[in-house]
Structures are given as C-alpha cells and as structure tokens.
PDB file of N, CA and C in Angstrom:
ATOM      1  N   MET A   1      96.172 119.299  77.196  1.00  0.00           N
ATOM      2  CA  MET A   1      94.926 119.910  76.947  1.00  0.00           C
ATOM      3  C   MET A   1      95.612 121.997  76.112  1.00  0.00           C
ATOM      4  N   LEU A   2      96.436 122.084  76.859  1.00  0.00           N
ATOM      5  CA  LEU A   2      96.995 123.193  76.411  1.00  0.00           C
ATOM      6  C   LEU A   2      97.901 122.541  74.950  1.00  0.00           C
ATOM      7  N   GLU A   3      97.591 122.171  74.967  1.00  0.00           N
ATOM      8  CA  GLU A   3      98.333 121.082  72.799  1.00  0.00           C
ATOM      9  C   GLU A   3      97.011 121.530  72.055  1.00  0.00           C
ATOM     10  N   THR A   4      96.017 121.078  72.269  1.00  0.00           N
ATOM     11  CA  THR A   4      94.344 121.384  71.358  1.00  0.00           C
ATOM     12  C   THR A   4      94.433 122.599  71.648  1.00  0.00           C
ATOM     13  N   SER A   5      94.669 124.145  72.562  1.00  0.00           N
ATOM     14  CA  SER A   5      94.590 125.448  72.848  1.00  0.00           C
ATOM     15  C   SER A   5      95.329 126.291  72.161  1.00  0.00           C
ATOM     16  N   PHE A   6      96.632 125.378  72.403  1.00  0.00           N
ATOM     17  CA  PHE A   6      97.569 126.070  71.718  1.00  0.00           C
ATOM     18  C   PHE A   6      98.765 125.724  70.919  1.00  0.00           C
ATOM     19  N   PRO A   7      98.389 124.783  69.400  1.00  0.00           N
ATOM     20  CA  PRO A   7      99.133 124.408  68.719  1.00  0.00           C
ATOM     21  C   PRO A   7     100.823 124.526  68.805  1.00  0.00           C
ATOM     22  N   GLY A   8     101.231 123.808  68.522  1.00  0.00           N
ATOM     23  CA  GLY A   8     103.068 123.962  68.278  1.00  0.00           C
ATOM     24  C   GLY A   8     103.388 124.269  69.660  1.00  0.00           C
ATOM     25  N   ILE A   9     102.408 123.953  70.520  1.00  0.00           N
ATOM     26  CA  ILE A   9     103.247 124.675  71.838  1.00  0.00           C
ATOM     27  C   ILE A   9     104.452 123.788  72.311  1.00  0.00           C
ATOM     28  N   ASP A  10     105.518 123.704  72.822  1.00  0.00           N
ATOM     29  CA  ASP A  10     106.163 122.742  73.849  1.00  0.00           C
ATOM     30  C   ASP A  10     106.034 122.742  75.238  1.00  0.00           C
ATOM     31  N   VAL A  11     106.054 121.369  75.139  1.00  0.00           N
ATOM     32  CA  VAL A  11     105.630 121.156  76.859  1.00  0.00           C
ATOM     33  C   VAL A  11     106.692 119.758  77.263  1.00  0.00           C
ATOM     34  N   VAL A  12     107.385 120.695  78.112  1.00  0.00           N
ATOM     35  CA  VAL A  12     108.517 119.885  78.883  1.00  0.00           C
ATOM     36  C   VAL A  12     107.993 119.533  80.356  1.00  0.00           C
ATOM     37  N   LEU A  13     108.582 118.085  80.847  1.00  0.00           N
ATOM     38  CA  LEU A  13     108.160 117.908  82.307  1.00  0.00           C
ATOM     39  C   LEU A  13     109.259 117.434  82.682  1.00  0.00           C
ATOM     40  N   SER A  14     109.565 117.706  83.961  1.00  0.00           N
ATOM     41  CA  SER A  14     110.370 117.468  84.285  1.00  0.00           C
ATOM     42  C   SER A  14     110.227 117.290  86.143  1.00  0.00           C
ATOM     43  N   ASN A  15     111.168 116.719  87.459  1.00  0.00           N
ATOM     44  CA  ASN A  15     111.018 116.678  88.617  1.00  0.00           C
ATOM     45  C   ASN A  15     111.482 118.115  89.092  1.00  0.00           C
ATOM     46  N   TYR A  16     110.738 118.336  89.952  1.00  0.00           N
ATOM     47  CA  TYR A  16     110.419 119.156  90.262  1.00  0.00           C
ATOM     48  C   TYR A  16     111.267 119.022  92.088  1.00  0.00           C
ATOM     49  N   PRO A  17     112.596 119.485  92.222  1.00  0.00           N
ATOM     50  CA  PRO A  17     113.558 119.173  93.533  1.00  0.00           C
ATOM     51  C   PRO A  17     112.572 119.173  94.423  1.00  0.00           C
ATOM     52  N   PRO A  18     112.763 117.871  95.488  1.00  0.00           N
ATOM     53  CA  PRO A  18     112.055 118.351  96.546  1.00  0.00           C
ATOM     54  C   PRO A  18     113.336 118.530  97.820  1.00  0.00           C
ATOM     55  N   ALA A  19     112.619 119.059  99.138  1.00  0.00           N
ATOM     56  CA  ALA A  19     113.931 120.183  99.441  1.00  0.00           C
ATOM     57  C   ALA A  19     114.961 118.952 100.345  1.00  0.00           C
ATOM     58  N   PHE A  20     116.069 119.650 100.713  1.00  0.00           N
ATOM     59  CA  PHE A  20     117.190 119.096 101.098  1.00  0.00           C
ATOM     60  C   PHE A  20     116.972 117.533 102.255  1.00  0.00           C
ATOM     61  N   PRO A  21     116.751 118.392 102.829  1.00  0.00           N
ATOM     62  CA  PRO A  21     116.431 116.885 104.223  1.00  0.00           C
ATOM     63  C   PRO A  21     115.940 115.743 103.325  1.00  0.00           C
ATOM     64  N   LYS A  22     114.811 116.003 103.007  1.00  0.00           N
ATOM     65  CA  LYS A  22     113.457 115.294 102.356  1.00  0.00           C
ATOM     66  C   LYS A  22     115.083 114.563 100.906  1.00  0.00           C
ATOM     67  N   ARG A  23     116.016 114.259 100.271  1.00  0.00           N
ATOM     68  CA  ARG A  23     116.504 114.438  99.569  1.00  0.00           C
ATOM     69  C   ARG A  23     117.763 113.247 100.319  1.00  0.00           C
ATOM     70  N   LEU A  24     117.537 113.891 101.366  1.00  0.00           N
ATOM     71  CA  LEU A  24     119.139 112.851 102.105  1.00  0.00           C
ATOM     72  C   LEU A  24     118.750 112.280 102.661  1.00  0.00           C
ATOM     73  N   LEU A  25     117.264 111.986 103.133  1.00  0.00           N
ATOM     74  CA  LEU A  25     116.515 111.104 103.933  1.00  0.00           C
ATOM     75  C   LEU A  25     116.316 109.799 103.044  1.00  0.00           C
ATOM     76  N   SER A  26     116.372 110.208 102.077  1.00  0.00           N
ATOM     77  CA  SER A  26     115.651 109.240 100.924  1.00  0.00           C
ATOM     78  C   SER A  26     116.859 108.538 100.419  1.00  0.00           C
ATOM     79  N   LYS A  27     118.438 108.946 100.250  1.00  0.00           N
ATOM     80  CA  LYS A  27     119.276 108.572  99.773  1.00  0.00           C
ATOM     81  C   LYS A  27     119.709 107.015 101.354  1.00  0.00           C
ATOM     82  N   LEU A  28     119.194 107.529 102.456  1.00  0.00           N
ATOM     83  CA  LEU A  28     119.912 106.622 103.482  1.00  0.00           C
ATOM     84  C   LEU A  28     118.930 105.469 103.593  1.00  0.00           C
ATOM     85  N   VAL A  29     117.232 105.877 102.891  1.00  0.00           N
ATOM     86  CA  VAL A  29     116.651 104.548 103.530  1.00  0.00           C
ATOM     87  C   VAL A  29     116.886 103.133 102.102  1.00  0.00           C
ATOM     88  N   PRO A  30     117.692 103.372 101.186  1.00  0.00           N
ATOM     89  CA  PRO A  30     118.087 101.803 100.493  1.00  0.00           C
ATOM     90  C   PRO A  30     119.632 101.142 101.492  1.00  0.00           C
ATOM     91  N   VAL A  31     120.183 102.093 101.954  1.00  0.00           N
ATOM     92  CA  VAL A  31     121.882 101.427 102.794  1.00  0.00           C
ATOM     93  C   VAL A  31     120.721 100.734 104.494  1.00  0.00           C
ATOM     94  N   VAL A  32     119.078 101.672 104.830  1.00  0.00           N
ATOM     95  CA  VAL A  32     118.553 100.929 105.751  1.00  0.00           C
ATOM     96  C   VAL A  32     118.233  99.496 105.532  1.00  0.00           C
ATOM     97  N   GLN A  33     117.079  99.586 104.089  1.00  0.00           N
ATOM     98  CA  GLN A  33     116.962  98.385 103.791  1.00  0.00           C
ATOM     99  C   GLN A  33     118.358  96.634 103.270  1.00  0.00           C
ATOM    100  N   VAL A  34     118.732  97.558 103.026  1.00  0.00           N
ATOM    101  CA  VAL A  34     120.116  96.562 102.703  1.00  0.00           C
ATOM    102  C   VAL A  34     120.419  96.441 103.820  1.00  0.00           C
ATOM    103  N   GLY A  35     120.603  96.629 105.098  1.00  0.00           N
ATOM    104  CA  GLY A  35     121.150  96.457 106.817  1.00  0.00           C
ATOM    105  C   GLY A  35     119.778  95.543 107.356  1.00  0.00           C
ATOM    106  N   VAL A  36     118.713  95.697 106.788  1.00  0.00           N
ATOM    107  CA  VAL A  36     117.730  95.138 107.380  1.00  0.00           C
ATOM    108  C   VAL A  36     118.050  93.471 106.218  1.00  0.00           C
ATOM    109  N   ILE A  37     117.465  93.321 105.425  1.00  0.00           N
ATOM    110  CA  ILE A  37     117.969  91.938 105.114  1.00  0.00           C
ATOM    111  C   ILE A  37     119.765  91.190 104.830  1.00  0.00           C
ATOM    112  N   GLY A  38     120.723  92.068 105.227  1.00  0.00           N
ATOM    113  CA  GLY A  38     121.657  91.655 105.091  1.00  0.00           C
ATOM    114  C   GLY A  38     122.191  91.335 107.185  1.00  0.00           C
ATOM    115  N   ILE A  39     121.245  91.516 108.085  1.00  0.00           N
ATOM    116  CA  ILE A  39     120.707  90.989 109.573  1.00  0.00           C
ATOM    117  C   ILE A  39     120.074  90.250 109.171  1.00  0.00           C
ATOM    118  N   VAL A  40     118.881  89.730 108.769  1.00  0.00           N
ATOM    119  CA  VAL A  40     118.323  88.240 107.845  1.00  0.00           C
ATOM    120  C   VAL A  40     118.652  86.993 107.838  1.00  0.00           C
ATOM    121  N   MET A  41     119.902  87.944 107.141  1.00  0.00           N
ATOM    122  CA  MET A  41     119.995  86.425 106.171  1.00  0.00           C
ATOM    123  C   MET A  41     121.713  86.210 106.650  1.00  0.00           C
ATOM    124  N   ALA A  42     122.434  87.374 107.276  1.00  0.00           N
ATOM    125  CA  ALA A  42     123.660  86.828 108.308  1.00  0.00           C
ATOM    126  C   ALA A  42     123.807  86.373 109.429  1.00  0.00           C
ATOM    127  N   GLY A  43     122.393  87.488 110.014  1.00  0.00           N
ATOM    128  CA  GLY A  43     122.197  87.370 111.390  1.00  0.00           C
ATOM    129  C   GLY A  43     123.157  86.444 112.769  1.00  0.00           C
ATOM    130  N   GLU A  44     123.532  85.269 112.455  1.00  0.00           N
ATOM    131  CA  GLU A  44     124.372  84.437 113.261  1.00  0.00           C
ATOM    132  C   GLU A  44     125.869  84.460 112.924  1.00  0.00           C
ATOM    133  N   GLN A  45     126.750  85.819 112.003  1.00  0.00           N
ATOM    134  CA  GLN A  45     127.734  85.397 111.592  1.00  0.00           C
ATOM    135  C   GLN A  45     127.712  87.292 112.126  1.00  0.00           C
ATOM    136  N   ILE A  46     126.456  87.541 111.583  1.00  0.00           N
ATOM    137  CA  ILE A  46     126.855  89.553 112.349  1.00  0.00           C
ATOM    138  C   ILE A  46     126.780  89.511 113.745  1.00  0.00           C
ATOM    139  N   PHE A  47     126.126  88.878 114.630  1.00  0.00           N
ATOM    140  CA  PHE A  47     126.118  89.047 116.297  1.00  0.00           C
ATOM    141  C   PHE A  47     127.267  89.184 116.564  1.00  0.00           C
ATOM    142  N   PRO A  48     127.927  87.788 116.165  1.00  0.00           N
ATOM    143  CA  PRO A  48     129.304  87.385 117.473  1.00  0.00           C
ATOM    144  C   PRO A  48     130.248  88.422 116.976  1.00  0.00           C
ATOM    145  N   ARG A  49     130.478  89.116 116.097  1.00  0.00           N
ATOM    146  CA  ARG A  49     131.480  90.104 115.359  1.00  0.00           C
ATOM    147  C   ARG A  49     131.324  91.277 116.168  1.00  0.00           C
ATOM    148  N   LEU A  50     129.862  91.490 115.852  1.00  0.00           N
ATOM    149  CA  LEU A  50     129.760  93.038 116.710  1.00  0.00           C
ATOM    150  C   LEU A  50     129.989  92.389 118.657  1.00  0.00           C
ATOM    151  N   GLY A  51     130.019  91.305 119.219  1.00  0.00           N
ATOM    152  CA  GLY A  51     130.167  91.302 120.505  1.00  0.00           C
ATOM    153  C   GLY A  51     129.602  90.625 120.987  1.00  0.00           C
ATOM    154  N   TYR A  52     128.419  90.236 120.090  1.00  0.00           N
ATOM    155  CA  TYR A  52     126.604  89.730 120.878  1.00  0.00           C
ATOM    156  C   TYR A  52     126.678  88.353 120.790  1.00  0.00           C
ATOM    157  N   MET A  53     126.972  87.238 121.822  1.00  0.00           N
ATOM    158  CA  MET A  53     126.828  86.066 121.564  1.00  0.00           C
ATOM    159  C   MET A  53     125.951  85.386 121.230  1.00  0.00           C
ATOM    160  N   THR A  54     124.936  86.309 121.431  1.00  0.00           N
ATOM    161  CA  THR A  54     123.293  85.228 120.965  1.00  0.00           C
ATOM    162  C   THR A  54     122.582  86.330 120.617  1.00  0.00           C
ATOM    163  N   PRO A  55     122.280  86.195 119.562  1.00  0.00           N
ATOM    164  CA  PRO A  55     121.897  87.126 118.830  1.00  0.00           C
ATOM    165  C   PRO A  55     119.899  88.393 119.658  1.00  0.00           C
ATOM    166  N   PRO A  56     119.722  88.496 119.959  1.00  0.00           N
ATOM    167  CA  PRO A  56     118.806  89.586 120.298  1.00  0.00           C
ATOM    168  C   PRO A  56     116.884  88.716 119.942  1.00  0.00           C
ATOM    169  N   PRO A  57     116.559  88.705 120.784  1.00  0.00           N
ATOM    170  CA  PRO A  57     115.243  87.649 120.476  1.00  0.00           C
ATOM    171  C   PRO A  57     114.109  88.430 119.662  1.00  0.00           C
ATOM    172  N   TRP A  58     114.428  89.681 119.019  1.00  0.00           N
ATOM    173  CA  TRP A  58     113.773  90.580 118.320  1.00  0.00           C
ATOM    174  C   TRP A  58     114.548  89.350 116.122  1.00  0.00           C
ATOM    175  N   TYR A  59     115.597  89.314 116.030  1.00  0.00           N
ATOM    176  CA  TYR A  59     116.427  89.176 115.353  1.00  0.00           C
ATOM    177  C   TYR A  59     115.320  87.263 114.879  1.00  0.00           C
ATOM    178  N   PHE A  60     115.438  86.244 116.242  1.00  0.00           N
ATOM    179  CA  PHE A  60     115.006  85.173 115.989  1.00  0.00           C
ATOM    180  C   PHE A  60     113.251  85.244 115.081  1.00  0.00           C
ATOM    181  N   SER A  61     112.743  86.472 115.517  1.00  0.00           N
ATOM    182  CA  SER A  61     111.287  86.112 115.063  1.00  0.00           C
ATOM    183  C   SER A  61     111.116  86.679 113.543  1.00  0.00           C
ATOM    184  N   MET A  62     111.882  87.510 113.307  1.00  0.00           N
ATOM    185  CA  MET A  62     112.711  88.988 112.294  1.00  0.00           C
ATOM    186  C   MET A  62     112.656  87.194 111.062  1.00  0.00           C
ATOM    187  N   ARG A  63     114.087  86.675 111.805  1.00  0.00           N
ATOM    188  CA  ARG A  63     114.078  85.033 111.224  1.00  0.00           C
ATOM    189  C   ARG A  63     113.586  84.097 111.062  1.00  0.00           C
ATOM    190  N   ALA A  64     112.594  83.701 111.593  1.00  0.00           N
ATOM    191  CA  ALA A  64     111.147  82.897 111.351  1.00  0.00           C
ATOM    192  C   ALA A  64     110.312  83.005 110.286  1.00  0.00           C
ATOM    193  N   ASN A  65     110.406  84.456 110.108  1.00  0.00           N
ATOM    194  CA  ASN A  65     109.437  84.788 108.604  1.00  0.00           C
ATOM    195  C   ASN A  65     110.652  85.143 107.794  1.00  0.00           C
ATOM    196  N   ARG A  66     111.517  84.797 107.075  1.00  0.00           N
ATOM    197  CA  ARG A  66     112.647  85.979 106.904  1.00  0.00           C
ATOM    198  C   ARG A  66     111.986  85.965 105.742  1.00  0.00           C
ATOM    199  N   PHE A  67     111.000  85.505 104.464  1.00  0.00           N
ATOM    200  CA  PHE A  67     110.707  86.529 103.242  1.00  0.00           C
ATOM    201  C   PHE A  67     109.872  87.297 103.671  1.00  0.00           C
ATOM    202  N   GLY A  68     108.517  87.115 104.391  1.00  0.00           N
ATOM    203  CA  GLY A  68     107.779  88.290 104.748  1.00  0.00           C
ATOM    204  C   GLY A  68     108.275  89.462 105.445  1.00  0.00           C
ATOM    205  N   THR A  69     109.698  89.702 106.205  1.00  0.00           N
ATOM    206  CA  THR A  69     110.516  90.435 106.785  1.00  0.00           C
ATOM    207  C   THR A  69     111.108  91.150 105.822  1.00  0.00           C
ATOM    208  N   ILE A  70     111.628  90.507 104.907  1.00  0.00           N
ATOM    209  CA  ILE A  70     112.993  90.780 103.446  1.00  0.00           C
ATOM    210  C   ILE A  70     111.583  91.638 102.680  1.00  0.00           C
ATOM    211  N   ALA A  71     110.738  90.812 102.265  1.00  0.00           N
ATOM    212  CA  ALA A  71     109.813  91.074 101.583  1.00  0.00           C
ATOM    213  C   ALA A  71     108.956  93.205 101.626  1.00  0.00           C
ATOM    214  N   SER A  72     108.673  92.767 103.218  1.00  0.00           N
ATOM    215  CA  SER A  72     107.653  93.581 104.126  1.00  0.00           C
ATOM    216  C   SER A  72     108.630  95.083 103.952  1.00  0.00           C
ATOM    217  N   THR A  73     110.752  94.940 104.287  1.00  0.00           N
ATOM    218  CA  THR A  73     111.612  95.618 104.127  1.00  0.00           C
ATOM    219  C   THR A  73     111.389  96.350 102.366  1.00  0.00           C
ATOM    220  N   TRP A  74     111.623  95.590 101.915  1.00  0.00           N
ATOM    221  CA  TRP A  74     111.630  96.207 100.158  1.00  0.00           C
ATOM    222  C   TRP A  74     110.747  97.450 100.242  1.00  0.00           C
ATOM    223  N   LEU A  75     109.175  96.396 100.291  1.00  0.00           N
ATOM    224  CA  LEU A  75     108.206  96.798 100.093  1.00  0.00           C
ATOM    225  C   LEU A  75     107.871  98.354 100.900  1.00  0.00           C
ATOM    226  N   PHE A  76     107.791  98.704 102.356  1.00  0.00           N
ATOM    227  CA  PHE A  76     108.326  99.570 102.502  1.00  0.00           C
ATOM    228  C   PHE A  76     108.708 100.592 102.428  1.00  0.00           C
ATOM    229  N   GLY A  77     110.367 100.161 102.429  1.00  0.00           N
ATOM    230  CA  GLY A  77     111.582 100.941 102.489  1.00  0.00           C
ATOM    231  C   GLY A  77     111.256 101.816 100.361  1.00  0.00           C
ATOM    232  N   ASN A  78     110.390 101.409  98.957  1.00  0.00           N
ATOM    233  CA  ASN A  78     110.368 101.669  98.479  1.00  0.00           C
ATOM    234  C   ASN A  78     109.637 103.037  98.507  1.00  0.00           C
ATOM    235  N   PHE A  79     108.720 102.397  98.923  1.00  0.00           N
ATOM    236  CA  PHE A  79     107.706 103.020  99.719  1.00  0.00           C
ATOM    237  C   PHE A  79     107.767 104.764  99.688  1.00  0.00           C
ATOM    238  N   VAL A  80     108.653 104.565 101.248  1.00  0.00           N
ATOM    239  CA  VAL A  80     108.988 105.569 102.131  1.00  0.00           C
ATOM    240  C   VAL A  80     109.923 106.505 101.036  1.00  0.00           C
ATOM    241  N   GLN A  81     110.805 105.255 100.223  1.00  0.00           N
ATOM    242  CA  GLN A  81     111.845 106.685  99.284  1.00  0.00           C
ATOM    243  C   GLN A  81     110.826 107.519  98.120  1.00  0.00           C
ATOM    244  N   SER A  82     110.105 106.866  98.185  1.00  0.00           N
ATOM    245  CA  SER A  82     109.092 107.705  97.001  1.00  0.00           C
ATOM    246  C   SER A  82     107.908 108.690  97.445  1.00  0.00           C
ATOM    247  N   PHE A  83     107.667 108.575  98.567  1.00  0.00           N
ATOM    248  CA  PHE A  83     107.161 109.290  98.948  1.00  0.00           C
ATOM    249  C   PHE A  83     108.340 110.707  99.321  1.00  0.00           C
ATOM    250  N   LEU A  84     109.614 110.442  99.873  1.00  0.00           N
ATOM    251  CA  LEU A  84     110.581 110.922  99.991  1.00  0.00           C
ATOM    252  C   LEU A  84     110.934 112.384  98.819  1.00  0.00           C
ATOM    253  N   GLN A  85     110.807 111.313  97.439  1.00  0.00           N
ATOM    254  CA  GLN A  85     111.748 111.978  96.478  1.00  0.00           C
ATOM    255  C   GLN A  85     110.186 112.729  95.836  1.00  0.00           C
ATOM    256  N   SER A  86     109.698 112.665  96.201  1.00  0.00           N
ATOM    257  CA  SER A  86     108.314 113.597  95.141  1.00  0.00           C
ATOM    258  C   SER A  86     107.757 114.813  96.048  1.00  0.00           C
ATOM    259  N   SER A  87     107.442 116.004  94.954  1.00  0.00           N
ATOM    260  CA  SER A  87     107.030 117.277  95.864  1.00  0.00           C
ATOM    261  C   SER A  87     105.696 117.123  95.619  1.00  0.00           C
ATOM    262  N   GLY A  88     105.802 117.192  94.584  1.00  0.00           N
ATOM    263  CA  GLY A  88     103.812 117.916  93.483  1.00  0.00           C
ATOM    264  C   GLY A  88     104.388 118.461  93.498  1.00  0.00           C
ATOM    265  N   ALA A  89     105.490 119.370  93.145  1.00  0.00           N
ATOM    266  CA  ALA A  89     105.256 120.810  92.703  1.00  0.00           C
ATOM    267  C   ALA A  89     105.673 121.019  91.432  1.00  0.00           C
ATOM    268  N   PHE A  90     105.242 122.363  91.137  1.00  0.00           N
ATOM    269  CA  PHE A  90     105.702 122.120  89.157  1.00  0.00           C
ATOM    270  C   PHE A  90     105.275 124.206  89.288  1.00  0.00           C
ATOM    271  N   GLU A  91     106.481 124.160  88.290  1.00  0.00           N
ATOM    272  CA  GLU A  91     106.206 125.481  87.619  1.00  0.00           C
ATOM    273  C   GLU A  91     105.481 125.709  85.828  1.00  0.00           C
ATOM    274  N   VAL A  92     105.459 126.482  85.672  1.00  0.00           N
ATOM    275  CA  VAL A  92     104.591 126.455  83.966  1.00  0.00           C
ATOM    276  C   VAL A  92     105.162 128.101  83.744  1.00  0.00           C
ATOM    277  N   TYR A  93     106.719 127.355  82.692  1.00  0.00           N
ATOM    278  CA  TYR A  93     106.584 128.793  82.248  1.00  0.00           C
ATOM    279  C   TYR A  93     106.282 128.919  80.753  1.00  0.00           C
ATOM    280  N   CYS A  94     106.352 130.555  80.290  1.00  0.00           N
ATOM    281  CA  CYS A  94     106.002 130.965  78.903  1.00  0.00           C
ATOM    282  C   CYS A  94     106.683 131.452  78.279  1.00  0.00           C
ATOM    283  N   ASN A  95     107.739 131.323  77.203  1.00  0.00           N
ATOM    284  CA  ASN A  95     108.363 132.254  76.809  1.00  0.00           C
ATOM    285  C   ASN A  95     109.168 132.920  77.050  1.00  0.00           C
ATOM    286  N   GLY A  96     109.589 131.626  78.643  1.00  0.00           N
ATOM    287  CA  GLY A  96     110.848 132.352  79.700  1.00  0.00           C
ATOM    288  C   GLY A  96     110.280 132.483  80.961  1.00  0.00           C
ATOM    289  N   GLU A  97     108.862 133.036  81.069  1.00  0.00           N
ATOM    290  CA  GLU A  97     108.184 133.440  81.791  1.00  0.00           C
ATOM    291  C   GLU A  97     107.924 132.816  83.253  1.00  0.00           C
ATOM    292  N   LEU A  98     108.002 133.143  83.981  1.00  0.00           N
ATOM    293  CA  LEU A  98     106.812 132.332  85.114  1.00  0.00           C
ATOM    294  C   LEU A  98     105.920 132.689  85.341  1.00  0.00           C
ATOM    295  N   VAL A  99     104.678 131.430  84.598  1.00  0.00           N
ATOM    296  CA  VAL A  99     103.817 131.922  85.112  1.00  0.00           C
ATOM    297  C   VAL A  99     102.855 131.378  86.265  1.00  0.00           C
ATOM    298  N   SER A 100     102.624 130.206  86.000  1.00  0.00           N
ATOM    299  CA  SER A 100     102.183 129.622  87.912  1.00  0.00           C
ATOM    300  C   SER A 100     104.097 128.520  88.653  1.00  0.00           C
ATOM    301  N   ASP A 101     103.410 128.743  89.889  1.00  0.00           N
ATOM    302  CA  ASP A 101     104.816 128.014  90.417  1.00  0.00           C
ATOM    303  C   ASP A 101     103.943 127.404  91.720  1.00  0.00           C
ATOM    304  N   SER A 102     104.030 125.863  91.839  1.00  0.00           N
ATOM    305  CA  SER A 102     102.839 125.728  93.177  1.00  0.00           C
ATOM    306  C   SER A 102     103.735 125.526  93.943  1.00  0.00           C
ATOM    307  N   SER A 103     104.732 125.686  94.441  1.00  0.00           N
ATOM    308  CA  SER A 103     105.793 125.394  95.355  1.00  0.00           C
ATOM    309  C   SER A 103     105.295 127.107  96.139  1.00  0.00           C
ATOM    310  N   ARG A 104     105.659 128.170  95.703  1.00  0.00           N
ATOM    311  CA  ARG A 104     105.269 129.057  96.138  1.00  0.00           C
ATOM    312  C   ARG A 104     103.957 130.252  96.279  1.00  0.00           C
ATOM    313  N   SER A 105     102.440 128.697  95.638  1.00  0.00           N
ATOM    314  CA  SER A 105     101.336 129.212  95.683  1.00  0.00           C
ATOM    315  C   SER A 105     100.788 129.031  97.038  1.00  0.00           C
ATOM    316  N   THR A 106      99.557 129.424  97.436  1.00  0.00           N
ATOM    317  CA  THR A 106      99.318 128.685  98.453  1.00  0.00           C
ATOM    318  C   THR A 106      98.022 128.098  98.343  1.00  0.00           C
ATOM    319  N   SER A 107      97.497 128.377  96.441  1.00  0.00           N
ATOM    320  CA  SER A 107      96.459 127.791  96.100  1.00  0.00           C
ATOM    321  C   SER A 107      97.027 126.907  95.227  1.00  0.00           C
ATOM    322  N   PHE A 108      95.921 125.977  94.586  1.00  0.00           N
ATOM    323  CA  PHE A 108      96.249 125.179  93.220  1.00  0.00           C
ATOM    324  C   PHE A 108      95.540 125.710  92.259  1.00  0.00           C
ATOM    325  N   MET A 109      96.606 125.952  91.271  1.00  0.00           N
ATOM    326  CA  MET A 109      96.183 127.295  90.318  1.00  0.00           C
ATOM    327  C   MET A 109      95.031 125.767  89.050  1.00  0.00           C
ATOM    328  N   THR A 110      94.170 125.839  88.640  1.00  0.00           N
ATOM    329  CA  THR A 110      92.795 125.335  88.210  1.00  0.00           C
ATOM    330  C   THR A 110      93.688 125.067  86.574  1.00  0.00           C
ATOM    331  N   SER A 111      93.740 124.609  85.926  1.00  0.00           N
ATOM    332  CA  SER A 111      94.147 124.896  84.435  1.00  0.00           C
ATOM    333  C   SER A 111      93.732 126.093  83.330  1.00  0.00           C
ATOM    334  N   ASP A 112      92.546 126.213  83.363  1.00  0.00           N
ATOM    335  CA  ASP A 112      91.687 127.261  82.947  1.00  0.00           C
ATOM    336  C   ASP A 112      92.902 128.593  83.681  1.00  0.00           C
ATOM    337  N   GLN A 113      93.158 128.791  85.318  1.00  0.00           N
ATOM    338  CA  GLN A 113      93.641 130.352  85.488  1.00  0.00           C
ATOM    339  C   GLN A 113      95.212 129.736  84.130  1.00  0.00           C
ATOM    340  N   ILE A 114      95.768 128.969  84.904  1.00  0.00           N
ATOM    341  CA  ILE A 114      96.910 128.627  84.069  1.00  0.00           C
ATOM    342  C   ILE A 114      97.203 129.531  82.430  1.00  0.00           C
ATOM    343  N   THR A 115      95.636 129.112  81.864  1.00  0.00           N
ATOM    344  CA  THR A 115      96.616 129.107  80.045  1.00  0.00           C
ATOM    345  C   THR A 115      95.654 130.644  80.429  1.00  0.00           C
ATOM    346  N   PHE A 116      94.523 130.906  81.014  1.00  0.00           N
ATOM    347  CA  PHE A 116      94.023 132.733  80.937  1.00  0.00           C
ATOM    348  C   PHE A 116      95.981 133.493  81.541  1.00  0.00           C
ATOM    349  N   ASN A 117      96.434 132.691  81.983  1.00  0.00           N
ATOM    350  CA  ASN A 117      97.920 133.670  82.888  1.00  0.00           C
ATOM    351  C   ASN A 117      98.539 133.628  81.596  1.00  0.00           C
ATOM    352  N   ILE A 118      98.228 132.219  80.263  1.00  0.00           N
ATOM    353  CA  ILE A 118      99.947 132.237  79.533  1.00  0.00           C
ATOM    354  C   ILE A 118      99.141 133.657  78.648  1.00  0.00           C
ATOM    355  N   ILE A 119      97.733 133.529  78.380  1.00  0.00           N
ATOM    356  CA  ILE A 119      97.213 134.330  77.334  1.00  0.00           C
ATOM    357  C   ILE A 119      97.386 135.466  77.179  1.00  0.00           C
ATOM    358  N   ILE A 120      97.669 135.868  78.880  1.00  0.00           N
ATOM    359  CA  ILE A 120      97.653 138.221  78.639  1.00  0.00           C
ATOM    360  C   ILE A 120      99.172 137.632  78.782  1.00  0.00           C
TER     361      ILE A 120
END
C-alpha cells in the first residue's frame, strides 16, 4: 500500500528480535527434540548406561508408538520454537526517524495512521 501511495519508497522487512529468555528457550527446544527422539530410538542402550536396568514404564508406551511419538515431538517442537522466535513487533522508519514502534506502543496503529505520521 505504501509503494502505491509513495512511488520510489524503499521498504525493508526484517525480523524484530524477541526477548532474551524467549531466544534462549527457542535454542533449547531442538535439544529436547533430539533427546526424545534419541530415547525412543536407542532407549534400551541408554537406560542401562544411566544405571536403570529396566527402562521406565513410560518408555514402553513411547516405544510402542514410535512413529507417533517422533512425529508429535518434531511437529510440537517446531511449533513451540516458531512461537518463541516470533515477536510480532515491527518498527517503521522514515528518513532515519522512528515513525511507529509496535513493541513500545499500547495500541496497534493502522496503516492510515502510519501513513499520516509519514506525511507529517
């Protein structure tokens, strides 16, 4: 919409970084995913090395439905990671000046309000 209203405008899109705790948690999600998949695939070798001669009962239910467990872990983990990495925030600059910042404002600005701020 801005390109039609203002020909020659340069629009640059980039991700606004989420808060540090969310970034840290999003880095731990793949570790948990690989851990669950590793336990499902090699639990009979992992548990005796950890000192458990027989695996816990929950392992056998995960092992019985190996494909479902791995697929659910992968899909749910990717959903959580994508949720943690997206902030939904954006900034609008015009000639190096901040026009709108959705992470600091309490209300969501419409495109007409942003256009009005650019014109002024």
